[in-house]
């Protein structure tokens, strides 16, 4: 069972940490079950600008048979480092009307 809690707020929340214990995000860029797709290729000269849309499942366990409780739906853009923006849309009944919008910076 996923161990997380959401407290509804009317105000915009900025620069807070969201901690979801026991939730696992799966991204599969290749193969028959891919859940992301490139929509813009990078610039040949600079290597910048690659844009990928994603619909990553978030599950309550690390195994392939785990239950999908939410999806991270959005895009990521390469601008020297990957920058991600996505909405976490919950699919489990008790959180079905909840959505979290997030911006994530990943340096690889």
PDB file of N, CA and C in Angstrom:
ATOM      1  N   UNK A   1       0.848  -1.176   0.000  1.00  0.00           N
ATOM      2  CA  UNK A   1       0.000   0.000   0.000  1.00  0.00           C
ATOM      3  C   UNK A   1       0.889   1.233   0.000  1.00  0.00           C
ATOM      4  N   UNK A   2       0.572   2.163  -0.814  1.00  0.00           N
ATOM      5  CA  UNK A   2       1.331   3.412  -0.895  1.00  0.00           C
ATOM      6  C   UNK A   2       1.190   4.185   0.402  1.00  0.00           C
ATOM      7  N   UNK A   3       2.273   4.790   0.837  1.00  0.00           N
ATOM      8  CA  UNK A   3       2.294   5.524   2.094  1.00  0.00           C
ATOM      9  C   UNK A   3       2.495   7.001   1.792  1.00  0.00           C
ATOM     10  N   UNK A   4       1.395   7.707   1.536  1.00  0.00           N
ATOM     11  CA  UNK A   4       1.495   9.127   1.270  1.00  0.00           C
ATOM     12  C   UNK A   4       0.224   9.817   1.720  1.00  0.00           C
ATOM     13  N   UNK A   5       0.314  11.108   1.913  1.00  0.00           N
ATOM     14  CA  UNK A   5      -0.829  11.897   2.345  1.00  0.00           C
ATOM     15  C   UNK A   5      -0.813  13.215   1.597  1.00  0.00           C
ATOM     16  N   UNK A   6      -1.995  13.666   1.205  1.00  0.00           N
ATOM     17  CA  UNK A   6      -2.130  14.951   0.535  1.00  0.00           C
ATOM     18  C   UNK A   6      -3.098  15.795   1.336  1.00  0.00           C
ATOM     19  N   UNK A   7      -2.685  17.008   1.641  1.00  0.00           N
ATOM     20  CA  UNK A   7      -3.550  17.944   2.342  1.00  0.00           C
ATOM     21  C   UNK A   7      -3.989  19.009   1.353  1.00  0.00           C
ATOM     22  N   UNK A   8      -5.308  19.087   1.069  1.00  0.00           N
ATOM     23  CA  UNK A   8      -5.780  20.091   0.102  1.00  0.00           C
ATOM     24  C   UNK A   8      -5.464  21.510   0.563  1.00  0.00           C
ATOM     25  N   UNK A   9      -5.063  22.355  -0.386  1.00  0.00           N
ATOM     26  CA  UNK A   9      -4.782  23.763  -0.118  1.00  0.00           C
ATOM     27  C   UNK A   9      -5.321  24.593  -1.263  1.00  0.00           C
ATOM     28  N   UNK A  10      -5.812  25.749  -0.934  1.00  0.00           N
ATOM     29  CA  UNK A  10      -6.285  26.658  -1.972  1.00  0.00           C
ATOM     30  C   UNK A  10      -5.141  27.513  -2.506  1.00  0.00           C
ATOM     31  N   UNK A  11      -4.134  27.750  -1.668  1.00  0.00           N
ATOM     32  CA  UNK A  11      -3.022  28.625  -2.050  1.00  0.00           C
ATOM     33  C   UNK A  11      -1.975  27.857  -2.850  1.00  0.00           C
ATOM     34  N   UNK A  12      -1.285  28.561  -3.726  1.00  0.00           N
ATOM     35  CA  UNK A  12      -0.193  27.999  -4.510  1.00  0.00           C
ATOM     36  C   UNK A  12       0.974  27.689  -3.577  1.00  0.00           C
ATOM     37  N   UNK A  13       1.550  26.517  -3.697  1.00  0.00           N
ATOM     38  CA  UNK A  13       2.673  26.101  -2.865  1.00  0.00           C
ATOM     39  C   UNK A  13       3.936  26.158  -3.712  1.00  0.00           C
ATOM     40  N   UNK A  14       4.975  26.781  -3.183  1.00  0.00           N
ATOM     41  CA  UNK A  14       6.215  26.921  -3.931  1.00  0.00           C
ATOM     42  C   UNK A  14       7.386  26.469  -3.075  1.00  0.00           C
ATOM     43  N   UNK A  15       8.333  25.761  -3.673  1.00  0.00           N
ATOM     44  CA  UNK A  15       9.582  25.354  -3.027  1.00  0.00           C
ATOM     45  C   UNK A  15       9.362  24.472  -1.808  1.00  0.00           C
ATOM     46  N   UNK A  16       8.447  23.542  -1.891  1.00  0.00           N
ATOM     47  CA  UNK A  16       8.248  22.576  -0.824  1.00  0.00           C
ATOM     48  C   UNK A  16       8.679  21.200  -1.300  1.00  0.00           C
ATOM     49  N   UNK A  17       9.111  20.380  -0.372  1.00  0.00           N
ATOM     50  CA  UNK A  17       9.495  19.015  -0.690  1.00  0.00           C
ATOM     51  C   UNK A  17       8.280  18.116  -0.533  1.00  0.00           C
ATOM     52  N   UNK A  18       8.061  17.270  -1.518  1.00  0.00           N
ATOM     53  CA  UNK A  18       7.009  16.268  -1.446  1.00  0.00           C
ATOM     54  C   UNK A  18       7.684  14.926  -1.241  1.00  0.00           C
ATOM     55  N   UNK A  19       7.329  14.233  -0.183  1.00  0.00           N
ATOM     56  CA  UNK A  19       7.975  12.970   0.139  1.00  0.00           C
ATOM     57  C   UNK A  19       6.940  11.857   0.053  1.00  0.00           C
ATOM     58  N   UNK A  20       7.075  11.012  -0.959  1.00  0.00           N
ATOM     59  CA  UNK A  20       6.175   9.887  -1.144  1.00  0.00           C
ATOM     60  C   UNK A  20       6.958   8.614  -0.859  1.00  0.00           C
ATOM     61  N   UNK A  21       6.734   8.023   0.296  1.00  0.00           N
ATOM     62  CA  UNK A  21       7.417   6.780   0.631  1.00  0.00           C
ATOM     63  C   UNK A  21       6.718   5.626  -0.076  1.00  0.00           C
ATOM     64  N   UNK A  22       7.492   4.689  -0.514  1.00  0.00           N
ATOM     65  CA  UNK A  22       6.989   3.458  -1.131  1.00  0.00           C
ATOM     66  C   UNK A  22       6.282   3.676  -2.457  1.00  0.00           C
ATOM     67  N   UNK A  23       6.614   4.740  -3.159  1.00  0.00           N
ATOM     68  CA  UNK A  23       6.092   4.947  -4.508  1.00  0.00           C
ATOM     69  C   UNK A  23       7.259   4.908  -5.483  1.00  0.00           C
ATOM     70  N   UNK A  24       7.028   4.326  -6.638  1.00  0.00           N
ATOM     71  CA  UNK A  24       8.088   4.109  -7.615  1.00  0.00           C
ATOM     72  C   UNK A  24       7.642   4.607  -8.980  1.00  0.00           C
ATOM     73  N   UNK A  25       8.436   5.475  -9.583  1.00  0.00           N
ATOM     74  CA  UNK A  25       8.153   6.023 -10.905  1.00  0.00           C
ATOM     75  C   UNK A  25       8.919   5.198 -11.933  1.00  0.00           C
ATOM     76  N   UNK A  26       8.222   4.748 -12.962  1.00  0.00           N
ATOM     77  CA  UNK A  26       8.840   3.931 -14.000  1.00  0.00           C
ATOM     78  C   UNK A  26       8.842   4.685 -15.321  1.00  0.00           C
ATOM     79  N   UNK A  27      10.018   4.886 -15.893  1.00  0.00           N
ATOM     80  CA  UNK A  27      10.071   5.444 -17.243  1.00  0.00           C
ATOM     81  C   UNK A  27      10.720   4.408 -18.154  1.00  0.00           C
ATOM     82  N   UNK A  28      10.066   4.189 -19.289  1.00  0.00           N
ATOM     83  CA  UNK A  28      10.503   3.181 -20.243  1.00  0.00           C
ATOM     84  C   UNK A  28      10.632   3.844 -21.604  1.00  0.00           C
ATOM     85  N   UNK A  29      11.843   4.289 -21.968  1.00  0.00           N
ATOM     86  CA  UNK A  29      12.013   5.024 -23.216  1.00  0.00           C
ATOM     87  C   UNK A  29      12.000   4.146 -24.468  1.00  0.00           C
ATOM     88  N   UNK A  30      12.258   2.839 -24.316  1.00  0.00           N
ATOM     89  CA  UNK A  30      12.363   1.950 -25.480  1.00  0.00           C
ATOM     90  C   UNK A  30      11.505   0.705 -25.285  1.00  0.00           C
ATOM     91  N   UNK A  31      11.248   0.000 -26.363  1.00  0.00           N
ATOM     92  CA  UNK A  31      10.545  -1.273 -26.291  1.00  0.00           C
ATOM     93  C   UNK A  31       9.054  -1.156 -26.535  1.00  0.00           C
ATOM     94  N   UNK A  32       8.373  -2.284 -26.349  1.00  0.00           N
ATOM     95  CA  UNK A  32       6.944  -2.339 -26.663  1.00  0.00           C
ATOM     96  C   UNK A  32       6.074  -1.629 -25.632  1.00  0.00           C
ATOM     97  N   UNK A  33       6.584  -1.395 -24.441  1.00  0.00           N
ATOM     98  CA  UNK A  33       5.805  -0.728 -23.390  1.00  0.00           C
ATOM     99  C   UNK A  33       6.305   0.681 -23.112  1.00  0.00           C
ATOM    100  N   UNK A  34       6.880   1.340 -24.100  1.00  0.00           N
ATOM    101  CA  UNK A  34       7.446   2.669 -23.842  1.00  0.00           C
ATOM    102  C   UNK A  34       6.351   3.632 -23.400  1.00  0.00           C
ATOM    103  N   UNK A  35       6.726   4.516 -22.464  1.00  0.00           N
ATOM    104  CA  UNK A  35       5.763   5.471 -21.913  1.00  0.00           C
ATOM    105  C   UNK A  35       6.265   6.906 -22.040  1.00  0.00           C
ATOM    106  N   UNK A  36       7.124   7.113 -22.997  1.00  0.00           N
ATOM    107  CA  UNK A  36       7.569   8.458 -23.347  1.00  0.00           C
ATOM    108  C   UNK A  36       7.933   8.463 -24.826  1.00  0.00           C
ATOM    109  N   UNK A  37       7.861   9.655 -25.422  1.00  0.00           N
ATOM    110  CA  UNK A  37       8.109   9.742 -26.856  1.00  0.00           C
ATOM    111  C   UNK A  37       8.742  11.080 -27.197  1.00  0.00           C
ATOM    112  N   UNK A  38       9.802  11.045 -27.994  1.00  0.00           N
ATOM    113  CA  UNK A  38      10.442  12.274 -28.449  1.00  0.00           C
ATOM    114  C   UNK A  38       9.562  12.990 -29.456  1.00  0.00           C
ATOM    115  N   UNK A  39       9.395  14.296 -29.281  1.00  0.00           N
ATOM    116  CA  UNK A  39       8.577  15.069 -30.223  1.00  0.00           C
ATOM    117  C   UNK A  39       9.397  16.121 -30.960  1.00  0.00           C
ATOM    118  N   UNK A  40      10.561  16.498 -30.398  1.00  0.00           N
ATOM    119  CA  UNK A  40      11.456  17.456 -31.054  1.00  0.00           C
ATOM    120  C   UNK A  40      12.881  16.923 -30.912  1.00  0.00           C
ATOM    121  N   UNK A  41      13.601  16.821 -32.024  1.00  0.00           N
ATOM    122  CA  UNK A  41      15.002  16.398 -31.987  1.00  0.00           C
ATOM    123  C   UNK A  41      15.884  17.554 -31.534  1.00  0.00           C
ATOM    124  N   UNK A  42      17.043  17.210 -30.988  1.00  0.00           N
ATOM    125  CA  UNK A  42      17.982  18.249 -30.565  1.00  0.00           C
ATOM    126  C   UNK A  42      18.608  18.927 -31.781  1.00  0.00           C
ATOM    127  N   UNK A  43      19.076  20.141 -31.569  1.00  0.00           N
ATOM    128  CA  UNK A  43      19.771  20.897 -32.604  1.00  0.00           C
ATOM    129  C   UNK A  43      21.083  20.191 -32.920  1.00  0.00           C
ATOM    130  N   UNK A  44      21.374  20.006 -34.187  1.00  0.00           N
ATOM    131  CA  UNK A  44      22.575  19.283 -34.613  1.00  0.00           C
ATOM    132  C   UNK A  44      23.849  19.968 -34.123  1.00  0.00           C
ATOM    133  N   UNK A  45      23.888  21.276 -34.132  1.00  0.00           N
ATOM    134  CA  UNK A  45      25.085  22.030 -33.750  1.00  0.00           C
ATOM    135  C   UNK A  45      25.270  22.097 -32.239  1.00  0.00           C
ATOM    136  N   UNK A  46      24.218  22.437 -31.511  1.00  0.00           N
ATOM    137  CA  UNK A  46      24.344  22.668 -30.067  1.00  0.00           C
ATOM    138  C   UNK A  46      24.010  21.452 -29.214  1.00  0.00           C
ATOM    139  N   UNK A  47      23.234  20.530 -29.763  1.00  0.00           N
ATOM    140  CA  UNK A  47      22.784  19.384 -28.977  1.00  0.00           C
ATOM    141  C   UNK A  47      21.636  19.719 -28.041  1.00  0.00           C
ATOM    142  N   UNK A  48      21.159  20.952 -28.098  1.00  0.00           N
ATOM    143  CA  UNK A  48      20.097  21.408 -27.201  1.00  0.00           C
ATOM    144  C   UNK A  48      18.724  21.270 -27.855  1.00  0.00           C
ATOM    145  N   UNK A  49      17.704  21.267 -27.027  1.00  0.00           N
ATOM    146  CA  UNK A  49      16.341  21.378 -27.522  1.00  0.00           C
ATOM    147  C   UNK A  49      15.549  20.097 -27.641  1.00  0.00           C
ATOM    148  N   UNK A  50      16.169  18.947 -27.394  1.00  0.00           N
ATOM    149  CA  UNK A  50      15.393  17.707 -27.455  1.00  0.00           C
ATOM    150  C   UNK A  50      14.217  17.819 -26.492  1.00  0.00           C
ATOM    151  N   UNK A  51      13.035  17.448 -26.959  1.00  0.00           N
ATOM    152  CA  UNK A  51      11.832  17.530 -26.137  1.00  0.00           C
ATOM    153  C   UNK A  51      11.118  16.184 -26.179  1.00  0.00           C
ATOM    154  N   UNK A  52      10.766  15.693 -25.008  1.00  0.00           N
ATOM    155  CA  UNK A  52      10.146  14.381 -24.875  1.00  0.00           C
ATOM    156  C   UNK A  52       8.902  14.519 -24.007  1.00  0.00           C
ATOM    157  N   UNK A  53       7.792  13.919 -24.440  1.00  0.00           N
ATOM    158  CA  UNK A  53       6.581  13.885 -23.617  1.00  0.00           C
ATOM    159  C   UNK A  53       6.545  12.556 -22.875  1.00  0.00           C
ATOM    160  N   UNK A  54       5.959  12.573 -21.686  1.00  0.00           N
ATOM    161  CA  UNK A  54       5.932  11.356 -20.888  1.00  0.00           C
ATOM    162  C   UNK A  54       4.584  11.134 -20.207  1.00  0.00           C
ATOM    163  N   UNK A  55       4.303   9.858 -19.985  1.00  0.00           N
ATOM    164  CA  UNK A  55       3.142   9.403 -19.230  1.00  0.00           C
ATOM    165  C   UNK A  55       3.629   8.250 -18.358  1.00  0.00           C
ATOM    166  N   UNK A  56       4.482   8.587 -17.374  1.00  0.00           N
ATOM    167  CA  UNK A  56       5.138   7.579 -16.551  1.00  0.00           C
ATOM    168  C   UNK A  56       4.204   7.077 -15.457  1.00  0.00           C
ATOM    169  N   UNK A  57       4.079   5.762 -15.292  1.00  0.00           N
ATOM    170  CA  UNK A  57       3.282   5.249 -14.180  1.00  0.00           C
ATOM    171  C   UNK A  57       4.042   5.385 -12.862  1.00  0.00           C
ATOM    172  N   UNK A  58       3.311   5.659 -11.814  1.00  0.00           N
ATOM    173  CA  UNK A  58       3.839   5.682 -10.452  1.00  0.00           C
ATOM    174  C   UNK A  58       3.133   4.555  -9.718  1.00  0.00           C
ATOM    175  N   UNK A  59       3.910   3.593  -9.209  1.00  0.00           N
ATOM    176  CA  UNK A  59       3.351   2.371  -8.634  1.00  0.00           C
ATOM    177  C   UNK A  59       3.622   2.286  -7.138  1.00  0.00           C
ATOM    178  N   UNK A  60       2.881   1.396  -6.477  1.00  0.00           N
ATOM    179  CA  UNK A  60       3.035   1.218  -5.036  1.00  0.00           C
ATOM    180  C   UNK A  60       4.093   0.180  -4.680  1.00  0.00           C
ATOM    181  N   UNK A  61       4.859  -0.260  -5.643  1.00  0.00           N
ATOM    182  CA  UNK A  61       5.934  -1.206  -5.390  1.00  0.00           C
ATOM    183  C   UNK A  61       6.912  -1.228  -6.547  1.00  0.00           C
ATOM    184  N   UNK A  62       8.098  -1.831  -6.337  1.00  0.00           N
ATOM    185  CA  UNK A  62       9.126  -1.830  -7.375  1.00  0.00           C
ATOM    186  C   UNK A  62       8.975  -2.937  -8.422  1.00  0.00           C
ATOM    187  N   UNK A  63       8.082  -3.883  -8.214  1.00  0.00           N
ATOM    188  CA  UNK A  63       7.965  -5.014  -9.134  1.00  0.00           C
ATOM    189  C   UNK A  63       7.076  -4.684 -10.329  1.00  0.00           C
ATOM    190  N   UNK A  64       7.239  -5.415 -11.433  1.00  0.00           N
ATOM    191  CA  UNK A  64       6.424  -5.162 -12.628  1.00  0.00           C
ATOM    192  C   UNK A  64       4.922  -5.328 -12.389  1.00  0.00           C
ATOM    193  N   UNK A  65       4.521  -6.131 -11.418  1.00  0.00           N
ATOM    194  CA  UNK A  65       3.103  -6.351 -11.135  1.00  0.00           C
ATOM    195  C   UNK A  65       2.508  -5.388 -10.125  1.00  0.00           C
ATOM    196  N   UNK A  66       3.238  -4.354  -9.743  1.00  0.00           N
ATOM    197  CA  UNK A  66       2.748  -3.400  -8.739  1.00  0.00           C
ATOM    198  C   UNK A  66       1.557  -2.616  -9.288  1.00  0.00           C
ATOM    199  N   UNK A  67       0.745  -2.102  -8.382  1.00  0.00           N
ATOM    200  CA  UNK A  67      -0.447  -1.340  -8.757  1.00  0.00           C
ATOM    201  C   UNK A  67      -0.078   0.089  -9.130  1.00  0.00           C
ATOM    202  N   UNK A  68      -0.592   0.554 -10.255  1.00  0.00           N
ATOM    203  CA  UNK A  68      -0.408   1.952 -10.662  1.00  0.00           C
ATOM    204  C   UNK A  68      -1.341   2.802  -9.808  1.00  0.00           C
ATOM    205  N   UNK A  69      -0.772   3.755  -9.052  1.00  0.00           N
ATOM    206  CA  UNK A  69      -1.582   4.632  -8.200  1.00  0.00           C
ATOM    207  C   UNK A  69      -1.672   6.044  -8.763  1.00  0.00           C
ATOM    208  N   UNK A  70      -0.753   6.383  -9.673  1.00  0.00           N
ATOM    209  CA  UNK A  70      -0.739   7.734 -10.247  1.00  0.00           C
ATOM    210  C   UNK A  70       0.061   7.701 -11.543  1.00  0.00           C
ATOM    211  N   UNK A  71       0.053   8.821 -12.241  1.00  0.00           N
ATOM    212  CA  UNK A  71       0.862   8.971 -13.450  1.00  0.00           C
ATOM    213  C   UNK A  71       1.546  10.330 -13.427  1.00  0.00           C
ATOM    214  N   UNK A  72       2.800  10.355 -13.874  1.00  0.00           N
ATOM    215  CA  UNK A  72       3.537  11.608 -14.047  1.00  0.00           C
ATOM    216  C   UNK A  72       3.420  11.955 -15.525  1.00  0.00           C
ATOM    217  N   UNK A  73       2.601  12.945 -15.824  1.00  0.00           N
ATOM    218  CA  UNK A  73       2.297  13.303 -17.209  1.00  0.00           C
ATOM    219  C   UNK A  73       2.840  14.690 -17.503  1.00  0.00           C
ATOM    220  N   UNK A  74       3.721  14.781 -18.496  1.00  0.00           N
ATOM    221  CA  UNK A  74       4.304  16.076 -18.826  1.00  0.00           C
ATOM    222  C   UNK A  74       5.373  15.951 -19.885  1.00  0.00           C
ATOM    223  N   UNK A  75       6.437  16.745 -19.722  1.00  0.00           N
ATOM    224  CA  UNK A  75       7.506  16.718 -20.713  1.00  0.00           C
ATOM    225  C   UNK A  75       8.839  17.034 -20.074  1.00  0.00           C
ATOM    226  N   UNK A  76       9.896  16.688 -20.792  1.00  0.00           N
ATOM    227  CA  UNK A  76      11.245  17.065 -20.379  1.00  0.00           C
ATOM    228  C   UNK A  76      12.002  17.579 -21.596  1.00  0.00           C
ATOM    229  N   UNK A  77      12.826  18.591 -21.327  1.00  0.00           N
ATOM    230  CA  UNK A  77      13.550  19.313 -22.374  1.00  0.00           C
ATOM    231  C   UNK A  77      15.031  19.339 -22.014  1.00  0.00           C
ATOM    232  N   UNK A  78      15.887  19.093 -23.009  1.00  0.00           N
ATOM    233  CA  UNK A  78      17.325  19.151 -22.768  1.00  0.00           C
ATOM    234  C   UNK A  78      17.846  20.542 -23.096  1.00  0.00           C
ATOM    235  N   UNK A  79      18.363  21.215 -22.070  1.00  0.00           N
ATOM    236  CA  UNK A  79      18.920  22.566 -22.227  1.00  0.00           C
ATOM    237  C   UNK A  79      20.267  22.626 -21.516  1.00  0.00           C
ATOM    238  N   UNK A  80      21.123  21.659 -21.789  1.00  0.00           N
ATOM    239  CA  UNK A  80      22.388  21.527 -21.078  1.00  0.00           C
ATOM    240  C   UNK A  80      22.278  20.491 -19.976  1.00  0.00           C
ATOM    241  N   UNK A  81      21.135  20.436 -19.338  1.00  0.00           N
ATOM    242  CA  UNK A  81      20.706  19.404 -18.397  1.00  0.00           C
ATOM    243  C   UNK A  81      19.229  19.165 -18.688  1.00  0.00           C
ATOM    244  N   UNK A  82      18.716  18.025 -18.264  1.00  0.00           N
ATOM    245  CA  UNK A  82      17.293  17.749 -18.477  1.00  0.00           C
ATOM    246  C   UNK A  82      16.462  18.519 -17.471  1.00  0.00           C
ATOM    247  N   UNK A  83      15.440  19.192 -17.950  1.00  0.00           N
ATOM    248  CA  UNK A  83      14.476  19.882 -17.095  1.00  0.00           C
ATOM    249  C   UNK A  83      13.123  19.230 -17.327  1.00  0.00           C
ATOM    250  N   UNK A  84      12.459  18.888 -16.240  1.00  0.00           N
ATOM    251  CA  UNK A  84      11.198  18.158 -16.318  1.00  0.00           C
ATOM    252  C   UNK A  84      10.073  18.961 -15.703  1.00  0.00           C
ATOM    253  N   UNK A  85       8.932  18.908 -16.317  1.00  0.00           N
ATOM    254  CA  UNK A  85       7.725  19.456 -15.718  1.00  0.00           C
ATOM    255  C   UNK A  85       6.615  18.446 -15.972  1.00  0.00           C
ATOM    256  N   UNK A  86       5.886  18.112 -14.920  1.00  0.00           N
ATOM    257  CA  UNK A  86       4.806  17.146 -15.086  1.00  0.00           C
ATOM    258  C   UNK A  86       3.777  17.310 -13.985  1.00  0.00           C
ATOM    259  N   UNK A  87       2.606  16.792 -14.245  1.00  0.00           N
ATOM    260  CA  UNK A  87       1.542  16.720 -13.252  1.00  0.00           C
ATOM    261  C   UNK A  87       1.496  15.292 -12.746  1.00  0.00           C
ATOM    262  N   UNK A  88       1.374  15.125 -11.440  1.00  0.00           N
ATOM    263  CA  UNK A  88       1.151  13.804 -10.871  1.00  0.00           C
ATOM    264  C   UNK A  88      -0.358  13.677 -10.704  1.00  0.00           C
ATOM    265  N   UNK A  89      -0.951  12.817 -11.507  1.00  0.00           N
ATOM    266  CA  UNK A  89      -2.391  12.620 -11.495  1.00  0.00           C
ATOM    267  C   UNK A  89      -2.685  11.269 -10.857  1.00  0.00           C
ATOM    268  N   UNK A  90      -3.385  11.296  -9.727  1.00  0.00           N
ATOM    269  CA  UNK A  90      -3.656  10.067  -8.986  1.00  0.00           C
ATOM    270  C   UNK A  90      -4.818   9.304  -9.596  1.00  0.00           C
ATOM    271  N   UNK A  91      -4.703   7.974  -9.598  1.00  0.00           N
ATOM    272  CA  UNK A  91      -5.726   7.107 -10.160  1.00  0.00           C
ATOM    273  C   UNK A  91      -6.421   6.262  -9.105  1.00  0.00           C
ATOM    274  N   UNK A  92      -5.850   6.151  -7.913  1.00  0.00           N
ATOM    275  CA  UNK A  92      -6.491   5.364  -6.864  1.00  0.00           C
ATOM    276  C   UNK A  92      -7.707   6.125  -6.357  1.00  0.00           C
ATOM    277  N   UNK A  93      -8.730   5.398  -5.957  1.00  0.00           N
ATOM    278  CA  UNK A  93     -10.034   5.981  -5.642  1.00  0.00           C
ATOM    279  C   UNK A  93      -9.968   7.108  -4.613  1.00  0.00           C
ATOM    280  N   UNK A  94      -9.214   6.931  -3.540  1.00  0.00           N
ATOM    281  CA  UNK A  94      -9.232   7.967  -2.491  1.00  0.00           C
ATOM    282  C   UNK A  94      -8.512   9.254  -2.890  1.00  0.00           C
ATOM    283  N   UNK A  95      -7.733   9.220  -3.970  1.00  0.00           N
ATOM    284  CA  UNK A  95      -7.027  10.419  -4.423  1.00  0.00           C
ATOM    285  C   UNK A  95      -7.368  10.786  -5.864  1.00  0.00           C
ATOM    286  N   UNK A  96      -8.429  10.227  -6.406  1.00  0.00           N
ATOM    287  CA  UNK A  96      -8.711  10.362  -7.834  1.00  0.00           C
ATOM    288  C   UNK A  96      -8.910  11.811  -8.282  1.00  0.00           C
ATOM    289  N   UNK A  97      -9.311  12.706  -7.406  1.00  0.00           N
ATOM    290  CA  UNK A  97      -9.528  14.103  -7.786  1.00  0.00           C
ATOM    291  C   UNK A  97      -8.352  14.999  -7.404  1.00  0.00           C
ATOM    292  N   UNK A  98      -7.209  14.412  -7.100  1.00  0.00           N
ATOM    293  CA  UNK A  98      -6.026  15.168  -6.707  1.00  0.00           C
ATOM    294  C   UNK A  98      -5.045  15.237  -7.871  1.00  0.00           C
ATOM    295  N   UNK A  99      -4.361  16.333  -7.948  1.00  0.00           N
ATOM    296  CA  UNK A  99      -3.343  16.489  -8.983  1.00  0.00           C
ATOM    297  C   UNK A  99      -2.253  17.389  -8.418  1.00  0.00           C
ATOM    298  N   UNK A 100      -1.003  17.022  -8.633  1.00  0.00           N
ATOM    299  CA  UNK A 100       0.134  17.818  -8.178  1.00  0.00           C
ATOM    300  C   UNK A 100       0.905  18.251  -9.413  1.00  0.00           C
ATOM    301  N   UNK A 101       1.140  19.535  -9.541  1.00  0.00           N
ATOM    302  CA  UNK A 101       1.939  20.055 -10.652  1.00  0.00           C
ATOM    303  C   UNK A 101       3.339  20.326 -10.113  1.00  0.00           C
ATOM    304  N   UNK A 102       4.333  19.828 -10.797  1.00  0.00           N
ATOM    305  CA  UNK A 102       5.694  19.961 -10.291  1.00  0.00           C
ATOM    306  C   UNK A 102       6.663  20.320 -11.409  1.00  0.00           C
ATOM    307  N   UNK A 103       7.748  20.937 -11.023  1.00  0.00           N
ATOM    308  CA  UNK A 103       8.852  21.230 -11.925  1.00  0.00           C
ATOM    309  C   UNK A 103      10.072  20.603 -11.293  1.00  0.00           C
ATOM    310  N   UNK A 104      10.808  19.836 -12.048  1.00  0.00           N
ATOM    311  CA  UNK A 104      11.931  19.082 -11.520  1.00  0.00           C
ATOM    312  C   UNK A 104      13.155  19.332 -12.380  1.00  0.00           C
ATOM    313  N   UNK A 105      14.275  19.610 -11.744  1.00  0.00           N
ATOM    314  CA  UNK A 105      15.535  19.833 -12.450  1.00  0.00           C
ATOM    315  C   UNK A 105      16.441  18.654 -12.160  1.00  0.00           C
ATOM    316  N   UNK A 106      16.878  17.973 -13.194  1.00  0.00           N
ATOM    317  CA  UNK A 106      17.763  16.826 -13.037  1.00  0.00           C
ATOM    318  C   UNK A 106      19.058  17.111 -13.768  1.00  0.00           C
ATOM    319  N   UNK A 107      20.157  17.033 -13.061  1.00  0.00           N
ATOM    320  CA  UNK A 107      21.467  17.223 -13.670  1.00  0.00           C
ATOM    321  C   UNK A 107      22.106  15.856 -13.840  1.00  0.00           C
ATOM    322  N   UNK A 108      22.369  15.479 -15.081  1.00  0.00           N
ATOM    323  CA  UNK A 108      22.973  14.167 -15.352  1.00  0.00           C
ATOM    324  C   UNK A 108      24.367  14.317 -15.892  1.00  0.00           C
TER     325      UNK A 108
END
